[in-house]
């Protein structure tokens, strides 16, 4: 795994919004799941794809599409000015379907979130076919 690229993609904050712009929750480190992600009403499976929201149509997706504002952190975990980008979160896609969707959009990585007794986030590096799993409930 390219460690520099991994760090750029892991040292981030995700602010989750619906498509109307209503704030849902933040993931400010990969070990956090607050009320929505940690609660029983959140989707079982979700994928965050580094596809710009402006480049997709909601009708292209069979399940819910949410807006993510991804902000990158520097090595001191401070926001990098100008690093914000609006990307997408899709819900209820399996891991396999999420990977296929990411490849369709030429993504080099994605983040897959699922329940398995606890909430886990898996960073998937598609270029090197490698994964890292983070427990979001610790």
N, C-alpha and C. Protein backbone atom coordinates (compact mmCIF):
# COMPACT_ATOMS: atom_id res chain seq x y z
N UNK A 1 0.85 -1.18 0.00
CA UNK A 1 0.00 0.00 0.00
C UNK A 1 0.89 1.24 0.00
N UNK A 2 0.59 2.18 -0.85
CA UNK A 2 1.32 3.43 -0.90
C UNK A 2 0.98 4.22 0.38
N UNK A 3 1.94 4.30 1.29
CA UNK A 3 1.67 4.88 2.62
C UNK A 3 1.33 6.37 2.56
N UNK A 4 1.98 7.11 1.66
CA UNK A 4 1.67 8.54 1.54
C UNK A 4 0.23 8.74 1.08
N UNK A 5 -0.16 8.00 0.06
CA UNK A 5 -1.52 8.11 -0.45
C UNK A 5 -2.53 7.64 0.60
N UNK A 6 -2.19 6.56 1.30
CA UNK A 6 -3.04 6.05 2.37
C UNK A 6 -3.27 7.11 3.43
N UNK A 7 -2.20 7.75 3.88
CA UNK A 7 -2.34 8.79 4.89
C UNK A 7 -3.20 9.95 4.41
N UNK A 8 -3.04 10.34 3.15
CA UNK A 8 -3.87 11.42 2.60
C UNK A 8 -5.34 11.04 2.61
N UNK A 9 -5.64 9.77 2.40
CA UNK A 9 -7.02 9.32 2.33
C UNK A 9 -7.60 8.89 3.67
N UNK A 10 -6.75 8.63 4.64
CA UNK A 10 -7.20 8.21 5.96
C UNK A 10 -7.29 9.40 6.92
N UNK A 11 -6.39 10.35 6.81
CA UNK A 11 -6.39 11.51 7.71
C UNK A 11 -7.39 12.55 7.20
N UNK A 12 -8.67 12.24 7.43
CA UNK A 12 -9.76 13.06 6.90
C UNK A 12 -10.88 13.17 7.91
N UNK A 13 -11.76 14.13 7.65
CA UNK A 13 -13.03 14.24 8.36
C UNK A 13 -14.13 14.16 7.31
N UNK A 14 -15.18 13.43 7.63
CA UNK A 14 -16.34 13.35 6.75
C UNK A 14 -17.51 14.04 7.44
N UNK A 15 -18.07 15.04 6.81
CA UNK A 15 -19.32 15.65 7.28
C UNK A 15 -20.42 15.13 6.37
N UNK A 16 -21.42 14.49 6.96
CA UNK A 16 -22.47 13.81 6.20
C UNK A 16 -23.71 14.69 6.16
N UNK A 17 -24.27 14.88 4.95
CA UNK A 17 -25.48 15.68 4.73
C UNK A 17 -26.43 14.91 3.83
N UNK A 18 -27.73 15.21 3.96
CA UNK A 18 -28.64 14.70 2.93
C UNK A 18 -28.51 15.61 1.72
N UNK A 19 -29.19 15.27 0.64
CA UNK A 19 -29.04 16.05 -0.59
C UNK A 19 -29.68 17.43 -0.51
N UNK A 20 -30.52 17.66 0.52
CA UNK A 20 -31.10 18.98 0.74
C UNK A 20 -30.17 19.87 1.57
N UNK A 21 -29.03 19.34 2.00
CA UNK A 21 -28.06 20.11 2.75
C UNK A 21 -28.23 20.04 4.25
N UNK A 22 -29.11 19.16 4.74
CA UNK A 22 -29.30 19.01 6.18
C UNK A 22 -28.19 18.15 6.77
N UNK A 23 -27.52 18.70 7.79
CA UNK A 23 -26.41 17.99 8.44
C UNK A 23 -26.92 16.75 9.16
N UNK A 24 -26.19 15.64 9.01
CA UNK A 24 -26.54 14.39 9.69
C UNK A 24 -25.53 14.07 10.79
N UNK A 25 -24.24 14.03 10.43
CA UNK A 25 -23.22 13.63 11.39
C UNK A 25 -21.83 13.87 10.82
N UNK A 26 -20.84 13.90 11.70
CA UNK A 26 -19.44 13.98 11.29
C UNK A 26 -18.71 12.73 11.73
N UNK A 27 -17.79 12.31 10.91
CA UNK A 27 -16.81 11.29 11.30
C UNK A 27 -15.49 12.03 11.30
N UNK A 28 -15.00 12.36 12.50
CA UNK A 28 -13.81 13.21 12.53
C UNK A 28 -12.53 12.44 12.78
N UNK A 29 -12.64 11.16 12.98
CA UNK A 29 -11.50 10.27 12.88
C UNK A 29 -12.09 8.89 12.61
N UNK A 30 -11.29 7.98 12.13
CA UNK A 30 -11.86 6.72 11.68
C UNK A 30 -12.25 5.81 12.82
N UNK A 31 -12.08 6.27 14.05
CA UNK A 31 -12.52 5.50 15.20
C UNK A 31 -13.74 6.10 15.84
N UNK A 32 -14.54 6.85 15.09
CA UNK A 32 -15.71 7.50 15.71
C UNK A 32 -17.00 7.14 15.00
N UNK A 33 -18.00 6.86 15.79
CA UNK A 33 -19.35 6.69 15.28
C UNK A 33 -20.27 7.32 16.30
N UNK A 34 -20.94 8.37 15.94
CA UNK A 34 -21.81 9.07 16.87
C UNK A 34 -23.22 8.52 16.81
N UNK A 35 -24.17 9.39 17.06
CA UNK A 35 -25.56 8.98 17.21
C UNK A 35 -26.11 8.27 15.98
N UNK A 36 -25.93 8.85 14.80
CA UNK A 36 -26.53 8.26 13.60
C UNK A 36 -25.81 6.98 13.20
N UNK A 37 -24.49 7.04 13.02
CA UNK A 37 -23.75 5.85 12.60
C UNK A 37 -23.76 4.76 13.65
N UNK A 38 -23.80 5.16 14.90
CA UNK A 38 -23.79 4.18 15.98
C UNK A 38 -25.18 3.71 16.37
N UNK A 39 -26.21 4.28 15.78
CA UNK A 39 -27.57 3.97 16.17
C UNK A 39 -28.24 2.91 15.30
N UNK A 40 -29.37 2.41 15.79
CA UNK A 40 -30.07 1.33 15.09
C UNK A 40 -30.77 1.77 13.81
N UNK A 41 -30.94 3.08 13.59
CA UNK A 41 -31.66 3.54 12.40
C UNK A 41 -30.76 3.86 11.22
N UNK A 42 -29.46 3.72 11.39
CA UNK A 42 -28.57 3.98 10.26
C UNK A 42 -28.51 2.73 9.38
N UNK A 43 -28.17 2.91 8.11
CA UNK A 43 -28.08 1.75 7.21
C UNK A 43 -27.04 0.74 7.69
N UNK A 44 -27.26 -0.52 7.39
CA UNK A 44 -26.32 -1.58 7.77
C UNK A 44 -25.00 -1.42 7.03
N UNK A 45 -25.09 -1.06 5.74
CA UNK A 45 -23.89 -0.92 4.91
C UNK A 45 -23.93 0.43 4.20
N UNK A 46 -22.76 1.05 4.10
CA UNK A 46 -22.61 2.33 3.40
C UNK A 46 -21.24 2.35 2.74
N UNK A 47 -21.13 3.09 1.66
CA UNK A 47 -19.83 3.27 1.02
C UNK A 47 -19.63 4.74 0.71
N UNK A 48 -18.44 5.23 0.99
CA UNK A 48 -18.06 6.59 0.63
C UNK A 48 -17.13 6.47 -0.56
N UNK A 49 -17.54 7.08 -1.67
CA UNK A 49 -16.77 7.02 -2.91
C UNK A 49 -16.21 8.40 -3.23
N UNK A 50 -14.94 8.47 -3.59
CA UNK A 50 -14.34 9.76 -3.94
C UNK A 50 -14.75 10.22 -5.34
N UNK A 51 -16.06 10.30 -5.53
CA UNK A 51 -16.64 10.78 -6.77
C UNK A 51 -17.27 12.13 -6.44
N UNK A 52 -16.97 13.15 -7.21
CA UNK A 52 -17.54 14.46 -6.93
C UNK A 52 -19.04 14.41 -7.10
N UNK A 53 -19.75 14.95 -6.12
CA UNK A 53 -21.20 14.95 -6.13
C UNK A 53 -21.75 15.56 -7.42
N UNK A 54 -21.10 16.60 -7.91
CA UNK A 54 -21.58 17.28 -9.11
C UNK A 54 -21.47 16.41 -10.36
N UNK A 55 -20.72 15.31 -10.27
CA UNK A 55 -20.51 14.43 -11.43
C UNK A 55 -21.45 13.23 -11.49
N UNK A 56 -22.40 13.16 -10.54
CA UNK A 56 -23.32 12.02 -10.53
C UNK A 56 -24.77 12.49 -10.56
N UNK A 57 -25.65 11.57 -10.96
CA UNK A 57 -27.09 11.83 -10.93
C UNK A 57 -27.71 10.91 -9.89
N UNK A 58 -28.58 11.45 -9.06
CA UNK A 58 -29.22 10.64 -8.03
C UNK A 58 -29.92 9.43 -8.63
N UNK A 59 -30.47 9.58 -9.81
CA UNK A 59 -31.21 8.48 -10.45
C UNK A 59 -30.31 7.32 -10.85
N UNK A 60 -28.99 7.50 -10.84
CA UNK A 60 -28.06 6.42 -11.19
C UNK A 60 -27.91 5.39 -10.06
N UNK A 61 -28.46 5.69 -8.89
CA UNK A 61 -28.25 4.86 -7.71
C UNK A 61 -29.56 4.23 -7.27
N UNK A 62 -29.49 2.94 -6.90
CA UNK A 62 -30.70 2.23 -6.52
C UNK A 62 -31.12 2.49 -5.08
N UNK A 63 -30.23 3.01 -4.26
CA UNK A 63 -30.53 3.29 -2.86
C UNK A 63 -30.21 4.75 -2.57
N UNK A 64 -30.21 5.10 -1.27
CA UNK A 64 -29.99 6.49 -0.89
C UNK A 64 -28.61 6.99 -1.27
N UNK A 65 -28.58 8.23 -1.70
CA UNK A 65 -27.34 8.94 -2.02
C UNK A 65 -27.25 10.10 -1.05
N UNK A 66 -26.11 10.23 -0.40
CA UNK A 66 -25.88 11.32 0.55
C UNK A 66 -24.65 12.11 0.12
N UNK A 67 -24.58 13.34 0.60
CA UNK A 67 -23.43 14.20 0.31
C UNK A 67 -22.44 14.10 1.47
N UNK A 68 -21.19 13.95 1.12
CA UNK A 68 -20.10 13.96 2.10
C UNK A 68 -19.20 15.15 1.78
N UNK A 69 -18.88 15.94 2.79
CA UNK A 69 -17.83 16.94 2.62
C UNK A 69 -16.59 16.34 3.29
N UNK A 70 -15.62 15.99 2.44
CA UNK A 70 -14.38 15.40 2.94
C UNK A 70 -13.36 16.51 3.10
N UNK A 71 -12.81 16.62 4.30
CA UNK A 71 -11.76 17.59 4.59
C UNK A 71 -10.52 16.81 5.00
N UNK A 72 -9.43 17.11 4.35
CA UNK A 72 -8.18 16.42 4.66
C UNK A 72 -7.46 17.13 5.82
N UNK A 73 -6.75 16.32 6.61
CA UNK A 73 -5.95 16.81 7.74
C UNK A 73 -4.47 16.77 7.36
N UNK A 74 -3.70 17.69 7.95
CA UNK A 74 -2.24 17.62 7.80
C UNK A 74 -1.69 16.64 8.84
N UNK A 75 -0.37 16.54 8.93
CA UNK A 75 0.24 15.57 9.85
C UNK A 75 -0.04 15.87 11.32
N UNK A 76 -0.45 17.12 11.61
CA UNK A 76 -0.81 17.50 12.97
C UNK A 76 -2.32 17.42 13.20
N UNK A 77 -3.04 16.83 12.25
CA UNK A 77 -4.49 16.66 12.29
C UNK A 77 -5.25 17.98 12.36
N UNK A 78 -4.74 18.95 11.62
CA UNK A 78 -5.42 20.23 11.43
C UNK A 78 -5.95 20.25 10.00
N UNK A 79 -7.10 20.92 9.80
CA UNK A 79 -7.67 21.01 8.45
C UNK A 79 -6.66 21.63 7.49
N UNK A 80 -6.56 21.04 6.30
CA UNK A 80 -5.75 21.62 5.24
C UNK A 80 -6.63 22.60 4.48
N UNK A 81 -6.29 23.89 4.50
CA UNK A 81 -7.13 24.87 3.80
C UNK A 81 -7.33 24.52 2.34
N UNK A 82 -8.56 24.64 1.87
CA UNK A 82 -8.87 24.37 0.47
C UNK A 82 -8.97 22.90 0.12
N UNK A 83 -8.92 22.01 1.11
CA UNK A 83 -8.94 20.58 0.82
C UNK A 83 -10.34 19.98 0.79
N UNK A 84 -11.34 20.80 1.09
CA UNK A 84 -12.71 20.26 1.12
C UNK A 84 -13.21 19.92 -0.27
N UNK A 85 -13.90 18.79 -0.35
CA UNK A 85 -14.54 18.40 -1.60
C UNK A 85 -15.83 17.66 -1.28
N UNK A 86 -16.83 17.86 -2.12
CA UNK A 86 -18.11 17.20 -1.95
C UNK A 86 -18.09 15.90 -2.74
N UNK A 87 -18.13 14.79 -2.00
CA UNK A 87 -18.13 13.47 -2.62
C UNK A 87 -19.42 12.76 -2.19
N UNK A 88 -19.54 11.47 -2.49
CA UNK A 88 -20.81 10.80 -2.25
C UNK A 88 -20.70 9.65 -1.25
N UNK A 89 -21.83 9.40 -0.59
CA UNK A 89 -22.03 8.20 0.21
C UNK A 89 -23.25 7.51 -0.36
N UNK A 90 -23.15 6.21 -0.56
CA UNK A 90 -24.29 5.42 -1.00
C UNK A 90 -24.61 4.43 0.13
N UNK A 91 -25.89 4.14 0.28
CA UNK A 91 -26.29 3.23 1.35
C UNK A 91 -26.82 1.92 0.77
N UNK A 92 -26.72 0.89 1.58
CA UNK A 92 -27.31 -0.42 1.31
C UNK A 92 -26.69 -1.18 0.14
N UNK A 93 -25.53 -0.77 -0.32
CA UNK A 93 -24.79 -1.56 -1.30
C UNK A 93 -23.89 -2.53 -0.53
N UNK A 94 -23.78 -3.76 -1.00
CA UNK A 94 -22.86 -4.71 -0.39
C UNK A 94 -21.43 -4.24 -0.65
N UNK A 95 -20.49 -4.84 0.03
CA UNK A 95 -19.09 -4.50 -0.19
C UNK A 95 -18.71 -4.76 -1.65
N UNK A 96 -19.10 -5.91 -2.16
CA UNK A 96 -18.80 -6.27 -3.55
C UNK A 96 -19.41 -5.25 -4.51
N UNK A 97 -20.69 -4.90 -4.31
CA UNK A 97 -21.35 -3.93 -5.18
C UNK A 97 -20.73 -2.54 -5.06
N UNK A 98 -20.29 -2.19 -3.85
CA UNK A 98 -19.63 -0.89 -3.64
C UNK A 98 -18.32 -0.82 -4.41
N UNK A 99 -17.57 -1.91 -4.39
CA UNK A 99 -16.30 -1.96 -5.12
C UNK A 99 -16.56 -1.86 -6.62
N UNK A 100 -17.57 -2.56 -7.11
CA UNK A 100 -17.91 -2.48 -8.54
C UNK A 100 -18.33 -1.06 -8.92
N UNK A 101 -19.12 -0.42 -8.06
CA UNK A 101 -19.55 0.96 -8.30
C UNK A 101 -18.35 1.90 -8.32
N UNK A 102 -17.42 1.72 -7.38
CA UNK A 102 -16.22 2.55 -7.34
C UNK A 102 -15.39 2.38 -8.61
N UNK A 103 -15.27 1.15 -9.08
CA UNK A 103 -14.52 0.91 -10.31
C UNK A 103 -15.21 1.53 -11.51
N UNK A 104 -16.54 1.49 -11.53
CA UNK A 104 -17.30 2.11 -12.62
C UNK A 104 -16.99 3.60 -12.72
N UNK A 105 -16.79 4.25 -11.56
CA UNK A 105 -16.48 5.68 -11.53
C UNK A 105 -14.98 5.96 -11.50
N UNK A 106 -14.16 4.95 -11.80
CA UNK A 106 -12.70 5.08 -11.87
C UNK A 106 -12.08 5.57 -10.57
N UNK A 107 -12.62 5.13 -9.44
CA UNK A 107 -12.05 5.49 -8.14
C UNK A 107 -10.82 4.62 -7.86
N UNK A 108 -9.83 5.20 -7.19
CA UNK A 108 -8.66 4.40 -6.82
C UNK A 108 -8.78 3.87 -5.39
N UNK A 109 -9.81 4.34 -4.66
CA UNK A 109 -10.05 3.86 -3.30
C UNK A 109 -11.51 4.11 -2.95
N UNK A 110 -11.93 3.53 -1.84
CA UNK A 110 -13.24 3.82 -1.28
C UNK A 110 -13.22 3.48 0.19
N UNK A 111 -14.25 3.89 0.89
CA UNK A 111 -14.42 3.60 2.30
C UNK A 111 -15.73 2.83 2.43
N UNK A 112 -15.68 1.64 3.04
CA UNK A 112 -16.88 0.83 3.21
C UNK A 112 -17.17 0.72 4.69
N UNK A 113 -18.41 1.01 5.08
CA UNK A 113 -18.82 1.02 6.49
C UNK A 113 -19.91 -0.04 6.66
N UNK A 114 -19.75 -0.88 7.70
CA UNK A 114 -20.73 -1.92 7.93
C UNK A 114 -20.84 -2.26 9.42
N UNK A 115 -21.94 -2.91 9.74
CA UNK A 115 -22.14 -3.46 11.08
C UNK A 115 -21.71 -4.91 11.08
N UNK A 116 -21.02 -5.33 12.11
CA UNK A 116 -20.73 -6.73 12.39
C UNK A 116 -20.54 -6.81 13.89
N UNK A 117 -21.62 -6.73 14.63
CA UNK A 117 -21.66 -6.59 16.08
C UNK A 117 -21.24 -5.17 16.49
N UNK A 118 -20.29 -4.60 15.80
CA UNK A 118 -19.89 -3.21 15.99
C UNK A 118 -19.78 -2.56 14.61
N UNK A 119 -19.57 -1.25 14.59
CA UNK A 119 -19.48 -0.52 13.32
C UNK A 119 -18.02 -0.50 12.88
N UNK A 120 -17.78 -0.93 11.65
CA UNK A 120 -16.44 -0.96 11.09
C UNK A 120 -16.36 -0.12 9.83
N UNK A 121 -15.22 0.52 9.63
CA UNK A 121 -14.92 1.21 8.38
C UNK A 121 -13.72 0.51 7.76
N UNK A 122 -13.86 0.14 6.51
CA UNK A 122 -12.75 -0.49 5.78
C UNK A 122 -12.28 0.47 4.70
N UNK A 123 -11.01 0.82 4.74
CA UNK A 123 -10.40 1.61 3.67
C UNK A 123 -9.92 0.61 2.63
N UNK A 124 -10.41 0.76 1.40
CA UNK A 124 -10.07 -0.18 0.33
C UNK A 124 -9.26 0.56 -0.74
N UNK A 125 -8.03 0.11 -0.91
CA UNK A 125 -7.13 0.65 -1.93
C UNK A 125 -7.31 -0.22 -3.17
N UNK A 126 -8.03 0.29 -4.17
CA UNK A 126 -8.33 -0.49 -5.36
C UNK A 126 -7.13 -0.68 -6.27
N UNK A 127 -6.20 0.27 -6.26
CA UNK A 127 -5.02 0.15 -7.12
C UNK A 127 -4.14 -1.02 -6.70
N UNK A 128 -4.04 -1.25 -5.39
CA UNK A 128 -3.15 -2.30 -4.88
C UNK A 128 -3.91 -3.49 -4.31
N UNK A 129 -5.24 -3.45 -4.41
CA UNK A 129 -6.09 -4.53 -3.90
C UNK A 129 -5.76 -4.85 -2.44
N UNK A 130 -5.75 -3.80 -1.61
CA UNK A 130 -5.44 -3.96 -0.19
C UNK A 130 -6.52 -3.26 0.63
N UNK A 131 -6.68 -3.73 1.88
CA UNK A 131 -7.70 -3.18 2.77
C UNK A 131 -7.13 -2.97 4.16
N UNK A 132 -7.68 -1.97 4.87
CA UNK A 132 -7.40 -1.76 6.28
C UNK A 132 -8.72 -1.56 6.97
N UNK A 133 -8.93 -2.22 8.11
CA UNK A 133 -10.19 -2.16 8.83
C UNK A 133 -10.01 -1.37 10.13
N UNK A 134 -10.98 -0.49 10.41
CA UNK A 134 -10.97 0.35 11.61
C UNK A 134 -12.27 0.11 12.37
N UNK A 135 -12.17 -0.15 13.67
CA UNK A 135 -13.36 -0.28 14.51
C UNK A 135 -13.80 1.13 14.90
N UNK A 136 -15.01 1.52 14.51
CA UNK A 136 -15.50 2.88 14.74
C UNK A 136 -16.16 3.05 16.11
N UNK A 137 -16.25 1.99 16.89
CA UNK A 137 -16.94 2.05 18.16
C UNK A 137 -15.98 2.13 19.35
N UNK A 138 -14.69 2.10 19.09
CA UNK A 138 -13.71 2.15 20.20
C UNK A 138 -13.55 3.55 20.72
